[in-house]
């Protein structure tokens, strides 16, 4: 606390004292007449707001003084949504693969990576998850304009049916991967 600006602390203290003085006047008026006059009431709330602002200034200074820990490494997550329509139902059904087979074919064509465009030399791909849902409402350009938040476009509609999940966990060691494979085999 010794590094804090004494003027900011003095300002917060003075604002608190003013709020306390007005609170005492407000309490005395309520005790005497059952209510405080409008001017005292307004002044009290303004003083409380000023005290809060002054405390925020001190808190901001405290936050600036605290050292922010550096992360070990920078990480980020990419979430994507692509809708597909079956344009040739005969061919789709004749392949006998269903939705899971179609998704597997998409991934195989992509080289086994869900988003090969993000294979960048400076990035190490981590664990991944792809889910496939049957839905009646594909994403359209209007949806982008109508969404309250862009992330709303990634939400799963309650009327969608989960059809396929592809998880691609990345393990820290071969032993971890083998243990996970044994657990999966026991299920």
N, C-alpha and C. Protein backbone atom coordinates (compact mmCIF):
# COMPACT_ATOMS: atom_id res chain seq x y z
N UNK A 1 0.81 -1.20 0.00
CA UNK A 1 0.00 0.00 0.00
C UNK A 1 0.85 1.26 0.00
N UNK A 2 2.11 1.16 0.34
CA UNK A 2 2.96 2.35 0.42
C UNK A 2 3.20 2.96 -0.95
N UNK A 3 3.01 2.19 -2.03
CA UNK A 3 3.22 2.70 -3.37
C UNK A 3 2.00 3.43 -3.92
N UNK A 4 0.89 3.39 -3.19
CA UNK A 4 -0.32 4.03 -3.67
C UNK A 4 -0.22 5.54 -3.58
N UNK A 5 -0.90 6.21 -4.49
CA UNK A 5 -0.92 7.67 -4.53
C UNK A 5 -1.63 8.20 -3.29
N UNK A 6 -0.94 8.96 -2.45
CA UNK A 6 -1.58 9.50 -1.24
C UNK A 6 -2.78 10.38 -1.57
N UNK A 7 -2.75 11.07 -2.71
CA UNK A 7 -3.87 11.93 -3.08
C UNK A 7 -5.12 11.09 -3.36
N UNK A 8 -4.96 9.91 -3.98
CA UNK A 8 -6.10 9.04 -4.26
C UNK A 8 -6.69 8.51 -2.96
N UNK A 9 -5.83 8.15 -2.04
CA UNK A 9 -6.30 7.66 -0.74
C UNK A 9 -7.01 8.78 0.02
N UNK A 10 -6.42 9.98 0.01
CA UNK A 10 -7.03 11.13 0.69
C UNK A 10 -8.39 11.45 0.07
N UNK A 11 -8.48 11.39 -1.26
CA UNK A 11 -9.74 11.66 -1.95
C UNK A 11 -10.81 10.64 -1.54
N UNK A 12 -10.43 9.36 -1.48
CA UNK A 12 -11.37 8.32 -1.07
C UNK A 12 -11.81 8.52 0.38
N UNK A 13 -10.86 8.85 1.23
CA UNK A 13 -11.18 9.07 2.64
C UNK A 13 -12.12 10.27 2.80
N UNK A 14 -11.82 11.37 2.11
CA UNK A 14 -12.67 12.56 2.19
C UNK A 14 -14.08 12.26 1.67
N UNK A 15 -14.17 11.51 0.56
CA UNK A 15 -15.48 11.16 0.01
C UNK A 15 -16.26 10.28 0.99
N UNK A 16 -15.55 9.36 1.65
CA UNK A 16 -16.20 8.51 2.65
C UNK A 16 -16.68 9.30 3.84
N UNK A 17 -15.89 10.26 4.29
CA UNK A 17 -16.29 11.12 5.43
C UNK A 17 -17.52 11.95 5.07
N UNK A 18 -17.57 12.46 3.84
CA UNK A 18 -18.73 13.25 3.40
C UNK A 18 -19.98 12.37 3.35
N UNK A 19 -19.83 11.16 2.82
CA UNK A 19 -20.96 10.24 2.78
C UNK A 19 -21.43 9.90 4.20
N UNK A 20 -20.49 9.73 5.11
CA UNK A 20 -20.83 9.42 6.50
C UNK A 20 -21.54 10.61 7.16
N UNK A 21 -21.08 11.85 6.89
CA UNK A 21 -21.70 13.05 7.45
C UNK A 21 -23.15 13.16 6.96
N UNK A 22 -23.34 12.94 5.64
CA UNK A 22 -24.68 13.03 5.07
C UNK A 22 -25.57 11.88 5.55
N UNK A 23 -25.00 10.70 5.76
CA UNK A 23 -25.76 9.58 6.29
C UNK A 23 -26.27 9.91 7.69
N UNK A 24 -25.40 10.53 8.52
CA UNK A 24 -25.81 10.91 9.87
C UNK A 24 -26.96 11.92 9.82
N UNK A 25 -26.86 12.93 8.90
CA UNK A 25 -27.94 13.91 8.76
C UNK A 25 -29.23 13.21 8.31
N UNK A 26 -29.11 12.29 7.35
CA UNK A 26 -30.26 11.55 6.83
C UNK A 26 -30.92 10.76 7.95
N UNK A 27 -30.13 10.06 8.75
CA UNK A 27 -30.65 9.25 9.86
C UNK A 27 -31.36 10.15 10.87
N UNK A 28 -30.75 11.29 11.19
CA UNK A 28 -31.35 12.22 12.17
C UNK A 28 -32.70 12.73 11.66
N UNK A 29 -32.79 13.04 10.35
CA UNK A 29 -34.05 13.53 9.79
C UNK A 29 -35.12 12.45 9.81
N UNK A 30 -34.73 11.21 9.49
CA UNK A 30 -35.69 10.10 9.53
C UNK A 30 -36.17 9.88 10.97
N UNK A 31 -35.23 9.96 11.92
CA UNK A 31 -35.60 9.76 13.33
C UNK A 31 -36.57 10.85 13.80
N UNK A 32 -36.38 12.08 13.34
CA UNK A 32 -37.21 13.19 13.81
C UNK A 32 -38.55 13.27 13.07
N UNK A 33 -38.55 13.03 11.75
CA UNK A 33 -39.77 13.28 10.98
C UNK A 33 -40.28 12.06 10.23
N UNK A 34 -39.60 10.93 10.34
CA UNK A 34 -40.04 9.73 9.64
C UNK A 34 -39.53 9.64 8.21
N UNK A 35 -38.91 10.71 7.72
CA UNK A 35 -38.30 10.71 6.40
C UNK A 35 -37.29 11.84 6.30
N UNK A 36 -36.38 11.72 5.34
CA UNK A 36 -35.38 12.76 5.12
C UNK A 36 -35.90 13.71 4.05
N UNK A 37 -35.43 14.97 4.11
CA UNK A 37 -35.87 15.89 3.07
C UNK A 37 -35.19 15.54 1.74
N UNK A 38 -35.80 15.99 0.67
CA UNK A 38 -35.36 15.60 -0.68
C UNK A 38 -33.91 16.00 -0.95
N UNK A 39 -33.51 17.16 -0.49
CA UNK A 39 -32.13 17.64 -0.73
C UNK A 39 -31.11 16.75 -0.02
N UNK A 40 -31.38 16.36 1.21
CA UNK A 40 -30.47 15.48 1.95
C UNK A 40 -30.42 14.11 1.31
N UNK A 41 -31.57 13.61 0.89
CA UNK A 41 -31.64 12.30 0.25
C UNK A 41 -30.79 12.29 -1.03
N UNK A 42 -30.98 13.33 -1.87
CA UNK A 42 -30.22 13.42 -3.12
C UNK A 42 -28.73 13.56 -2.84
N UNK A 43 -28.37 14.41 -1.90
CA UNK A 43 -26.97 14.63 -1.57
C UNK A 43 -26.31 13.35 -1.04
N UNK A 44 -27.05 12.57 -0.26
CA UNK A 44 -26.50 11.32 0.27
C UNK A 44 -26.17 10.36 -0.86
N UNK A 45 -27.09 10.18 -1.80
CA UNK A 45 -26.84 9.25 -2.89
C UNK A 45 -25.71 9.71 -3.79
N UNK A 46 -25.60 11.03 -3.99
CA UNK A 46 -24.48 11.55 -4.77
C UNK A 46 -23.15 11.32 -4.04
N UNK A 47 -23.17 11.47 -2.73
CA UNK A 47 -21.96 11.25 -1.93
C UNK A 47 -21.56 9.77 -1.94
N UNK A 48 -22.55 8.88 -1.88
CA UNK A 48 -22.25 7.45 -1.94
C UNK A 48 -21.62 7.12 -3.29
N UNK A 49 -22.14 7.70 -4.37
CA UNK A 49 -21.59 7.46 -5.71
C UNK A 49 -20.16 8.02 -5.80
N UNK A 50 -19.94 9.19 -5.24
CA UNK A 50 -18.60 9.79 -5.28
C UNK A 50 -17.61 8.94 -4.47
N UNK A 51 -18.06 8.41 -3.36
CA UNK A 51 -17.21 7.54 -2.54
C UNK A 51 -16.87 6.26 -3.32
N UNK A 52 -17.87 5.69 -3.99
CA UNK A 52 -17.62 4.49 -4.81
C UNK A 52 -16.63 4.77 -5.92
N UNK A 53 -16.77 5.91 -6.59
CA UNK A 53 -15.83 6.28 -7.65
C UNK A 53 -14.42 6.44 -7.11
N UNK A 54 -14.30 7.07 -5.94
CA UNK A 54 -12.98 7.27 -5.34
C UNK A 54 -12.36 5.93 -4.95
N UNK A 55 -13.16 5.01 -4.43
CA UNK A 55 -12.65 3.68 -4.09
C UNK A 55 -12.22 2.93 -5.35
N UNK A 56 -12.96 3.12 -6.44
CA UNK A 56 -12.58 2.49 -7.71
C UNK A 56 -11.21 2.97 -8.17
N UNK A 57 -10.94 4.25 -7.98
CA UNK A 57 -9.63 4.81 -8.36
C UNK A 57 -8.51 4.12 -7.57
N UNK A 58 -8.73 3.94 -6.27
CA UNK A 58 -7.73 3.27 -5.44
C UNK A 58 -7.58 1.81 -5.87
N UNK A 59 -8.71 1.14 -6.12
CA UNK A 59 -8.68 -0.27 -6.54
C UNK A 59 -7.96 -0.41 -7.88
N UNK A 60 -8.19 0.54 -8.81
CA UNK A 60 -7.51 0.49 -10.10
C UNK A 60 -6.00 0.60 -9.91
N UNK A 61 -5.61 1.44 -8.99
CA UNK A 61 -4.17 1.58 -8.69
C UNK A 61 -3.61 0.28 -8.12
N UNK A 62 -4.38 -0.36 -7.25
CA UNK A 62 -3.94 -1.64 -6.68
C UNK A 62 -3.79 -2.68 -7.78
N UNK A 63 -4.76 -2.72 -8.71
CA UNK A 63 -4.69 -3.67 -9.81
C UNK A 63 -3.47 -3.43 -10.68
N UNK A 64 -3.14 -2.15 -10.91
CA UNK A 64 -1.97 -1.82 -11.73
C UNK A 64 -0.69 -2.26 -11.05
N UNK A 65 -0.67 -2.17 -9.71
CA UNK A 65 0.54 -2.51 -8.96
C UNK A 65 0.78 -4.02 -8.92
N UNK A 66 -0.30 -4.80 -8.95
CA UNK A 66 -0.14 -6.26 -8.89
C UNK A 66 0.47 -6.76 -10.19
N UNK A 67 1.47 -7.59 -10.06
CA UNK A 67 2.09 -8.16 -11.25
C UNK A 67 1.18 -9.24 -11.81
N UNK A 68 0.93 -9.16 -13.11
CA UNK A 68 0.12 -10.16 -13.78
C UNK A 68 1.03 -11.32 -14.15
N UNK A 69 0.66 -12.54 -13.74
CA UNK A 69 1.51 -13.68 -14.07
C UNK A 69 1.49 -13.92 -15.58
N UNK A 70 2.64 -14.24 -16.12
CA UNK A 70 2.75 -14.56 -17.53
C UNK A 70 2.35 -16.01 -17.74
N UNK A 71 1.49 -16.28 -18.71
CA UNK A 71 1.13 -17.68 -18.97
C UNK A 71 2.35 -18.43 -19.51
N UNK A 72 2.38 -19.75 -19.25
CA UNK A 72 3.48 -20.57 -19.75
C UNK A 72 3.55 -20.52 -21.26
N UNK A 73 2.39 -20.53 -21.89
CA UNK A 73 2.33 -20.44 -23.33
C UNK A 73 0.99 -19.88 -23.74
N UNK A 74 0.95 -19.25 -24.88
CA UNK A 74 -0.28 -18.69 -25.39
C UNK A 74 -1.11 -19.80 -26.01
N UNK A 75 -2.39 -19.88 -25.63
CA UNK A 75 -3.29 -20.90 -26.16
C UNK A 75 -4.56 -20.22 -26.62
N UNK A 76 -5.18 -20.78 -27.65
CA UNK A 76 -6.47 -20.29 -28.07
C UNK A 76 -7.30 -21.43 -28.63
N UNK A 77 -8.61 -21.23 -28.68
CA UNK A 77 -9.54 -22.24 -29.16
C UNK A 77 -10.24 -21.71 -30.39
N UNK A 78 -10.39 -22.56 -31.39
CA UNK A 78 -11.14 -22.21 -32.60
C UNK A 78 -12.38 -23.07 -32.63
N UNK A 79 -13.53 -22.45 -32.70
CA UNK A 79 -14.78 -23.18 -32.84
C UNK A 79 -15.34 -22.86 -34.21
N UNK A 80 -15.84 -23.85 -34.89
CA UNK A 80 -16.36 -23.64 -36.24
C UNK A 80 -17.68 -24.37 -36.42
N UNK A 81 -18.50 -23.84 -37.29
CA UNK A 81 -19.76 -24.51 -37.64
C UNK A 81 -19.90 -24.47 -39.15
N UNK A 82 -20.12 -25.62 -39.73
CA UNK A 82 -20.41 -25.73 -41.15
C UNK A 82 -21.66 -26.58 -41.30
N UNK A 83 -22.60 -26.11 -42.09
CA UNK A 83 -23.81 -26.88 -42.37
C UNK A 83 -23.68 -27.51 -43.75
N UNK A 84 -24.12 -28.75 -43.87
CA UNK A 84 -24.10 -29.46 -45.14
C UNK A 84 -25.51 -29.91 -45.48
N UNK A 85 -25.85 -29.85 -46.76
CA UNK A 85 -27.13 -30.36 -47.24
C UNK A 85 -26.85 -31.52 -48.17
N UNK A 86 -27.63 -32.56 -48.04
CA UNK A 86 -27.50 -33.71 -48.94
C UNK A 86 -28.15 -33.31 -50.26
N UNK A 87 -27.34 -33.17 -51.31
CA UNK A 87 -27.87 -32.74 -52.60
C UNK A 87 -28.21 -33.91 -53.51
N UNK A 88 -27.63 -35.07 -53.22
CA UNK A 88 -27.94 -36.27 -54.01
C UNK A 88 -28.23 -37.40 -53.02
N UNK A 89 -29.50 -37.51 -52.64
CA UNK A 89 -29.88 -38.47 -51.60
C UNK A 89 -29.60 -39.90 -52.04
N UNK A 90 -29.80 -40.21 -53.32
CA UNK A 90 -29.54 -41.57 -53.81
C UNK A 90 -28.08 -41.94 -53.60
N UNK A 91 -27.20 -41.07 -54.00
CA UNK A 91 -25.76 -41.34 -53.85
C UNK A 91 -25.39 -41.45 -52.37
N UNK A 92 -25.95 -40.55 -51.58
CA UNK A 92 -25.66 -40.55 -50.15
C UNK A 92 -26.09 -41.87 -49.51
N UNK A 93 -27.29 -42.32 -49.83
CA UNK A 93 -27.80 -43.57 -49.26
C UNK A 93 -27.11 -44.78 -49.86
N UNK A 94 -26.77 -44.71 -51.15
CA UNK A 94 -26.11 -45.84 -51.81
C UNK A 94 -24.73 -46.09 -51.23
N UNK A 95 -24.09 -45.05 -50.77
CA UNK A 95 -22.76 -45.21 -50.17
C UNK A 95 -22.86 -46.01 -48.88
N UNK A 96 -24.04 -46.03 -48.27
CA UNK A 96 -24.28 -46.83 -47.08
C UNK A 96 -23.49 -46.38 -45.87
N UNK A 97 -23.05 -45.16 -45.89
CA UNK A 97 -22.21 -44.69 -44.79
C UNK A 97 -22.99 -43.89 -43.77
N UNK A 98 -24.09 -43.30 -44.15
CA UNK A 98 -24.84 -42.46 -43.24
C UNK A 98 -24.08 -41.19 -42.89
N UNK A 99 -24.58 -40.49 -41.91
CA UNK A 99 -23.97 -39.22 -41.51
C UNK A 99 -22.55 -39.43 -41.00
N UNK A 100 -22.35 -40.44 -40.16
CA UNK A 100 -21.02 -40.68 -39.61
C UNK A 100 -20.01 -40.95 -40.72
N UNK A 101 -20.41 -41.74 -41.71
CA UNK A 101 -19.52 -42.03 -42.83
C UNK A 101 -19.22 -40.80 -43.65
N UNK A 102 -20.24 -39.96 -43.84
CA UNK A 102 -20.03 -38.72 -44.60
C UNK A 102 -19.05 -37.81 -43.88
N UNK A 103 -19.19 -37.71 -42.57
CA UNK A 103 -18.26 -36.87 -41.80
C UNK A 103 -16.85 -37.45 -41.85
N UNK A 104 -16.75 -38.77 -41.72
CA UNK A 104 -15.44 -39.41 -41.80
C UNK A 104 -14.80 -39.14 -43.16
N UNK A 105 -15.61 -39.17 -44.24
CA UNK A 105 -15.09 -38.88 -45.58
C UNK A 105 -14.62 -37.44 -45.68
N UNK A 106 -15.37 -36.52 -45.09
CA UNK A 106 -14.94 -35.12 -45.09
C UNK A 106 -13.59 -34.96 -44.39
N UNK A 107 -13.47 -35.60 -43.24
CA UNK A 107 -12.22 -35.48 -42.48
C UNK A 107 -11.07 -36.16 -43.20
N UNK A 108 -11.35 -37.29 -43.83
CA UNK A 108 -10.30 -37.98 -44.58
C UNK A 108 -9.83 -37.11 -45.74
N UNK A 109 -10.78 -36.49 -46.43
CA UNK A 109 -10.42 -35.60 -47.53
C UNK A 109 -9.63 -34.40 -47.03
N UNK A 110 -9.88 -34.01 -45.79
CA UNK A 110 -9.16 -32.87 -45.20
C UNK A 110 -7.81 -33.30 -44.62
N UNK A 111 -7.44 -34.53 -44.86
CA UNK A 111 -6.14 -34.99 -44.35
C UNK A 111 -6.19 -35.41 -42.90
N UNK A 112 -7.37 -35.71 -42.39
CA UNK A 112 -7.49 -36.17 -41.01
C UNK A 112 -7.56 -35.05 -39.99
N UNK A 113 -7.52 -33.82 -40.45
CA UNK A 113 -7.60 -32.69 -39.54
C UNK A 113 -8.92 -31.97 -39.76
N UNK A 114 -9.65 -31.64 -38.70
CA UNK A 114 -10.92 -30.95 -38.88
C UNK A 114 -10.78 -29.63 -39.63
N UNK A 115 -9.74 -28.89 -39.37
CA UNK A 115 -9.57 -27.60 -40.03
C UNK A 115 -8.12 -27.51 -40.51
N UNK A 116 -7.80 -28.14 -41.63
CA UNK A 116 -6.42 -28.16 -42.08
C UNK A 116 -5.87 -26.78 -42.41
N UNK A 117 -6.74 -25.83 -42.70
CA UNK A 117 -6.26 -24.48 -43.00
C UNK A 117 -5.55 -23.86 -41.80
N UNK A 118 -5.82 -24.39 -40.62
CA UNK A 118 -5.18 -23.84 -39.43
C UNK A 118 -3.90 -24.58 -39.05
N UNK A 119 -3.45 -25.48 -39.89
CA UNK A 119 -2.17 -26.14 -39.65
C UNK A 119 -1.08 -25.13 -40.00
N UNK A 120 -0.52 -24.54 -38.99
CA UNK A 120 0.47 -23.48 -39.16
C UNK A 120 1.74 -23.92 -38.44
N UNK A 121 2.87 -23.64 -39.04
CA UNK A 121 4.14 -24.07 -38.47
C UNK A 121 4.38 -23.63 -37.04
N UNK A 122 3.89 -22.45 -36.67
CA UNK A 122 4.14 -21.94 -35.32
C UNK A 122 3.11 -22.41 -34.31
N UNK A 123 2.16 -23.25 -34.75
CA UNK A 123 1.11 -23.73 -33.85
C UNK A 123 1.21 -25.23 -33.66
N UNK A 124 0.99 -25.67 -32.44
CA UNK A 124 0.90 -27.10 -32.16
C UNK A 124 -0.57 -27.41 -31.95
N UNK A 125 -1.13 -28.29 -32.77
CA UNK A 125 -2.55 -28.63 -32.66
C UNK A 125 -2.78 -29.41 -31.37
N UNK A 126 -3.78 -28.99 -30.62
CA UNK A 126 -4.13 -29.67 -29.38
C UNK A 126 -5.30 -30.60 -29.60
N UNK A 127 -5.93 -30.99 -28.53
CA UNK A 127 -7.08 -31.89 -28.61
C UNK A 127 -8.20 -31.24 -29.40
N UNK A 128 -9.03 -32.07 -30.03
CA UNK A 128 -10.12 -31.54 -30.83
C UNK A 128 -11.40 -32.30 -30.62
N UNK A 129 -12.50 -31.67 -30.99
CA UNK A 129 -13.81 -32.27 -30.85
C UNK A 129 -14.68 -31.79 -32.01
N UNK A 130 -15.32 -32.71 -32.69
CA UNK A 130 -16.26 -32.39 -33.75
C UNK A 130 -17.57 -33.09 -33.41
N UNK A 131 -18.66 -32.34 -33.44
CA UNK A 131 -19.97 -32.95 -33.24
C UNK A 131 -20.81 -32.69 -34.48
N UNK A 132 -21.66 -33.64 -34.80
CA UNK A 132 -22.52 -33.52 -35.97
C UNK A 132 -23.96 -33.68 -35.50
N UNK A 133 -24.79 -32.73 -35.90
CA UNK A 133 -26.19 -32.71 -35.48
C UNK A 133 -27.09 -32.66 -36.71
N UNK A 134 -28.20 -33.39 -36.67
CA UNK A 134 -29.23 -33.24 -37.70
C UNK A 134 -30.11 -32.08 -37.29
N UNK A 135 -30.33 -31.16 -38.23
CA UNK A 135 -31.20 -30.03 -37.92
C UNK A 135 -31.98 -29.64 -39.16
N UNK A 136 -33.06 -28.96 -38.94
CA UNK A 136 -33.91 -28.54 -40.05
C UNK A 136 -33.60 -27.12 -40.49
N UNK A 137 -32.82 -26.42 -39.72
CA UNK A 137 -32.55 -25.01 -40.01
C UNK A 137 -31.07 -24.78 -40.24
N UNK A 138 -30.62 -24.82 -41.48
CA UNK A 138 -29.21 -24.54 -41.72
C UNK A 138 -28.89 -23.07 -41.51
N UNK A 139 -27.65 -22.79 -41.26
CA UNK A 139 -27.17 -21.43 -41.06
C UNK A 139 -27.28 -20.66 -42.37
N UNK A 140 -27.85 -19.46 -42.31
CA UNK A 140 -27.96 -18.62 -43.50
C UNK A 140 -27.33 -17.26 -43.23
N UNK A 141 -27.14 -16.50 -44.27
CA UNK A 141 -26.52 -15.18 -44.13
C UNK A 141 -27.33 -14.28 -43.20
N UNK A 142 -28.65 -14.41 -43.22
CA UNK A 142 -29.50 -13.59 -42.36
C UNK A 142 -29.23 -13.86 -40.89
N UNK A 143 -28.89 -15.12 -40.57
CA UNK A 143 -28.61 -15.48 -39.18
C UNK A 143 -27.48 -14.63 -38.59
N UNK A 144 -26.51 -14.26 -39.41
CA UNK A 144 -25.39 -13.47 -38.93
C UNK A 144 -25.86 -12.07 -38.52
N UNK A 145 -26.82 -11.53 -39.26
CA UNK A 145 -27.35 -10.20 -38.94
C UNK A 145 -28.29 -10.25 -37.74
N UNK A 146 -29.02 -11.36 -37.60
CA UNK A 146 -30.04 -11.46 -36.56
C UNK A 146 -29.49 -11.89 -35.20
N UNK A 147 -28.30 -12.46 -35.16
CA UNK A 147 -27.76 -12.98 -33.89
C UNK A 147 -27.47 -11.84 -32.93
N UNK A 148 -27.91 -11.99 -31.68
CA UNK A 148 -27.58 -11.00 -30.66
C UNK A 148 -26.07 -10.97 -30.44
N UNK A 149 -25.49 -12.14 -30.36
CA UNK A 149 -24.05 -12.30 -30.19
C UNK A 149 -23.56 -13.26 -31.26
N UNK A 150 -22.39 -13.04 -31.84
CA UNK A 150 -21.89 -13.98 -32.86
C UNK A 150 -21.78 -15.41 -32.35
N UNK A 151 -21.51 -15.57 -31.06
CA UNK A 151 -21.37 -16.92 -30.52
C UNK A 151 -22.69 -17.67 -30.48
N UNK A 152 -23.82 -16.96 -30.60
CA UNK A 152 -25.12 -17.62 -30.65
C UNK A 152 -25.20 -18.59 -31.82
N UNK A 153 -24.43 -18.32 -32.87
CA UNK A 153 -24.46 -19.17 -34.06
C UNK A 153 -23.81 -20.53 -33.80
N UNK A 154 -23.10 -20.67 -32.68
CA UNK A 154 -22.46 -21.94 -32.34
C UNK A 154 -23.30 -22.76 -31.36
N UNK A 155 -24.40 -22.20 -30.87
CA UNK A 155 -25.22 -22.92 -29.91
C UNK A 155 -25.99 -24.05 -30.60
N UNK A 156 -26.20 -25.12 -29.86
CA UNK A 156 -26.94 -26.26 -30.37
C UNK A 156 -28.41 -26.05 -30.06
N UNK A 157 -29.23 -26.10 -31.09
CA UNK A 157 -30.67 -25.95 -30.92
C UNK A 157 -31.23 -27.18 -30.22
N UNK A 158 -32.17 -27.01 -29.27
CA UNK A 158 -32.74 -28.17 -28.58
C UNK A 158 -33.41 -29.17 -29.52
N UNK A 159 -33.82 -28.73 -30.70
CA UNK A 159 -34.48 -29.63 -31.63
C UNK A 159 -33.49 -30.38 -32.52
N UNK A 160 -32.21 -30.09 -32.40
CA UNK A 160 -31.20 -30.80 -33.18
C UNK A 160 -30.91 -32.15 -32.52
N UNK A 161 -30.57 -33.14 -33.34
CA UNK A 161 -30.23 -34.46 -32.82
C UNK A 161 -28.75 -34.72 -33.03
N UNK A 162 -28.06 -35.03 -31.95
CA UNK A 162 -26.65 -35.37 -32.04
C UNK A 162 -26.51 -36.71 -32.75
N UNK A 163 -25.72 -36.75 -33.83
CA UNK A 163 -25.57 -37.96 -34.62
C UNK A 163 -24.19 -38.58 -34.51
N UNK A 164 -23.19 -37.74 -34.30
CA UNK A 164 -21.82 -38.24 -34.41
C UNK A 164 -20.89 -37.34 -33.61
N UNK A 165 -19.97 -37.94 -32.89
CA UNK A 165 -18.97 -37.19 -32.15
C UNK A 165 -17.61 -37.76 -32.51
N UNK A 166 -16.72 -36.91 -32.91
CA UNK A 166 -15.35 -37.30 -33.17
C UNK A 166 -14.48 -36.52 -32.20
N UNK A 167 -13.88 -37.22 -31.27
CA UNK A 167 -12.96 -36.53 -30.37
C UNK A 167 -11.54 -36.98 -30.71
N UNK A 168 -10.66 -36.01 -30.72
CA UNK A 168 -9.26 -36.25 -31.04
C UNK A 168 -8.41 -35.75 -29.87
N UNK A 169 -8.32 -36.55 -28.80
CA UNK A 169 -7.51 -36.09 -27.67
C UNK A 169 -6.02 -36.16 -27.99
N UNK A 170 -5.30 -35.19 -27.48
CA UNK A 170 -3.85 -35.19 -27.60
C UNK A 170 -3.31 -35.46 -26.20
N UNK A 171 -2.54 -36.54 -26.07
CA UNK A 171 -2.02 -36.95 -24.77
C UNK A 171 -0.58 -36.48 -24.61
N UNK A 172 -0.17 -36.30 -23.36
CA UNK A 172 1.18 -35.85 -23.07
C UNK A 172 2.22 -36.94 -23.27
N UNK A 173 1.79 -38.20 -23.24
CA UNK A 173 2.75 -39.29 -23.40
C UNK A 173 2.07 -40.48 -24.06
N UNK A 174 2.89 -41.38 -24.55
CA UNK A 174 2.35 -42.61 -25.15
C UNK A 174 1.64 -43.45 -24.09
N UNK A 175 2.18 -43.46 -22.88
CA UNK A 175 1.56 -44.24 -21.80
C UNK A 175 0.15 -43.74 -21.52
N UNK A 176 -0.04 -42.41 -21.50
CA UNK A 176 -1.38 -41.84 -21.29
C UNK A 176 -2.33 -42.26 -22.40
N UNK A 177 -1.85 -42.23 -23.65
CA UNK A 177 -2.67 -42.61 -24.80
C UNK A 177 -3.06 -44.09 -24.72
N UNK A 178 -2.12 -44.94 -24.33
CA UNK A 178 -2.42 -46.37 -24.23
C UNK A 178 -3.41 -46.64 -23.10
N UNK A 179 -3.27 -45.93 -21.98
CA UNK A 179 -4.19 -46.10 -20.87
C UNK A 179 -5.61 -45.66 -21.29
N UNK A 180 -5.71 -44.59 -22.05
CA UNK A 180 -7.00 -44.11 -22.53
C UNK A 180 -7.61 -45.13 -23.50
N UNK A 181 -6.79 -45.71 -24.33
CA UNK A 181 -7.29 -46.72 -25.29
C UNK A 181 -7.81 -47.94 -24.54
N UNK A 182 -7.11 -48.34 -23.47
CA UNK A 182 -7.60 -49.48 -22.67
C UNK A 182 -8.94 -49.14 -22.02
N UNK A 183 -9.07 -47.92 -21.49
CA UNK A 183 -10.34 -47.51 -20.86
C UNK A 183 -11.46 -47.52 -21.89
N UNK A 184 -11.18 -47.01 -23.08
CA UNK A 184 -12.19 -47.00 -24.15
C UNK A 184 -12.57 -48.41 -24.55
N UNK A 185 -11.61 -49.32 -24.56
CA UNK A 185 -11.87 -50.72 -24.93
C UNK A 185 -12.72 -51.43 -23.91
N UNK A 186 -12.65 -51.02 -22.65
CA UNK A 186 -13.43 -51.66 -21.58
C UNK A 186 -14.88 -51.21 -21.58
N UNK A 187 -15.19 -50.15 -22.26
CA UNK A 187 -16.56 -49.63 -22.26
C UNK A 187 -17.48 -50.42 -23.09
